[in-house]
Amino acid sequence: MNGEIEALKRKAYQLRRDVVEMVYRAKSGHPGGALGMADVLTVLHYKFIRADPKNPSWPDRDRFILSNGHTCPILYAILADKGYFPREELWRLRKLGALLQGHPSTAHKIPGVEFSSGSLGIGLSFACGVALAGKIDKRSYRVFCSISDAECQEGQTWEAALTAHHYKLDNLIAILDRNRCQIDGPTEKVMALEPLAEKWRAFGWEVFEIDGHDYEQIIFAFEAALKVRGRPKIIISHNLLGKGVSFMEGDYKWHHGAPSAEEFEQAMRELAQHMEGSP
């Protein structure tokens, strides 16, 4: 297990470097959330999701729905690393006519992208539909849906939560990016969410709360969630926005924005040190 965890950690920091370089080259983007979600999404995509990059439309593939679409640089980095499309596409992020835009789009037919997101609050509803279709069609796939904590300020999220419980969608696992930041400031100042876990439990979900940078907790949560039957599951992942880049960590202003040349060099240096296990 220790060897596996170390390999996953190195992979996450490699992907973080791709995120920073993508946003730097594009001169715009949303680095903070992407960096914060890197650990939990690395574990999900490299250990748990069943999919085939050579056959992205495989009917029994697990589905990953990125509702908080602004964090797409981390998803793009993962998909390129796994061979869904050439790595060179990463450096064309947000360019006119490029495959990869600032939010995921199925209109661009990006291999591995299941949902067009950007308008927050609708991804969980879509995920419910996909999970329900799987039940009706007697398919074996699981549905994983990433949502942001700020999306829990929106009514449609809670309508979806009711739907998932009503239809007993135990093939659905939501991952909630609880970084306490949104573009306007700290979530608890914009619109307080706590007690968040209790709210989800009241809606009939099985709830797991984890440190989103502790690999043993992340792995345990996914393993435990996959065993639960009869109800939907949610993993509330307490993530640090901008994780791995000192000047971005915990600063909601890095929800959006591109680093300067000096900031880029510092960020890449810090991430390289983390990847090699340096202090």
Foldseek 3Di string as FASTA:
>chain_A
DVVVLLVLQLVLLVLLLLLQLLCQLLQKAFNFLLNFLSNLVSCCVVPPWAADLVCLVPPQGAAEFEQCFSSCSSVVSVSCVRPNDPPVLSNCECPVPGLHYSGDDCVSVRRRHDDTYDPHQCRLVVQLVVLVVCVVVVHDYAYEYEHEPLSVVDPSNLVSLLSQLVVQSLSYEYEYAAQQADLVGGCCVVPNCPVPQVVSVVSPEAEAEDASNDNVSSVVQVVVSNPDGRGYYYYYYHTFGPPQQVVGTSGNNSSMGHDDPVSSVSSSVSSVCVSVVHD
